[in-house]
Amino acid sequence: MAIRLDAHELVAVLKLTPARQNIMVVGKHGIGKSELIRDFYTRQGLPVECFFLGQMSDPGDLIGLMHKDEQTGHSVFLPPYWWPLGQEPMVLFLDELNRARPEILQAVYDLALNRRLAGKALPPGSRVVAAINHGDEYQLTELDPALVSRFNLYEFTPTVEDWLLWAKARGLDARVIDFIHEQPFHLDGARTTEDLVGFSDLSKTPDRRAWVRVAEFVQPHPALDALHVKAIAGMVGTAAAIALQQYLGTTQQVTPEQVLRHWRDHQAQVKKLPLHELIQLNERLLLWLHGLAQPVPDTPVILSNLLAYLKMLKAARHNEALAHFASLLENPKFARAMALCSGSVEILTLLTDYIAGIQG
């Protein structure tokens, strides 16, 4: 069984793994494994060449085409279009490895073992990373254990929190983020009986990639009508689309922006919230803060209002909610939120004194 990693752990493993070691990431479709891998290495300054092997019919796209060397009379392979011109290291990302044709897998053997393709060596320091989908709904090629043994094997199992943090950082529609936060079981849907008649393999269920499309679709629409819901059902399935519509039609929650930018106007509403809603608000506040990639002009106002919120929790003796906020802030996944909060000595002092009081 492959070792399971969430998004934070996978990034750490990618960073720690030496370039000479190959990595294979296994996971369901639509959970973001390919995007995470490409984004990570791109941020490291490495060019990433991606191949969707399941869609590749000719090995020549990977290894180049054979021709005759007029000087030697020998048959050699011309460099493929993607081959680096210099000796700068690169990342060769082999997506859908277990959907590749057998003749393409033969080329991958030499690549995984020797970092060579058709007799040509990759530049020193280059990396080979593969990703494979798993699930009964795929037409898969069984991978030879000898090939798998050339890779460090990890199963990517991102948490709901991973997606929420990613979605907030990408600026996805807040209504979709809040819906998934409140009803996380809709993020990765199980296969249902919503199959199209005559096409039993065509069922629409939610996945993380689909919710991004939903967020893009609803962004210009303040309210959803019946046609909008039908369109969303084509992205995430009927059950999830109806649940989103019902959620948006009934929720009256105070938003993180109202708390952090307009505390005086909404403090009375916050004070009436029961404990479980305060717990939910804590998480949404930190998601909102985490989404601020850098300080904004009204950062002092935001920090002042956050301090007022925390003081309200303390004065109202909502000890569980205050402890919950402090524990979340210590989570490395909220590092950007923690960095922002560090700009207020009063916030850090309040939380530190509270934790010390509990431990004492």
Foldseek 3Di string as FASTA:
>chain_A
DFAEDALVRVLVCVVPDAQLAEAEEEEAPQACPVVSVCVSVVVVVAAEDEDAQLPDDDLCQVQADWDADPVPRDIAGDHHPPADPDQDAHEYEYEQLFNHDPVNVVQVQCCLPPCDGRRHHHRPRYHYYYYHYDDPLDDGHDDDVVSVVSHRYYYYDHDLLVLLLVCLLVPFAVLLSLLCLVVVCQAFDDFDCQADVPGRSDDAAHYNNLSSVLSVLCVVPPADDPVNLVVSCVRHHNVVSVSSNVCVVPDPDDALCCQQQVVVVCVVVVLPDDLVVLLSRLSRNLSNQSNPQDDDPCLVSRLVSVLVVLVSCVVVVVLVSLVSSLVVLPDVSSVSSVVSNVVDPSVVVVSVVSVVVVVD
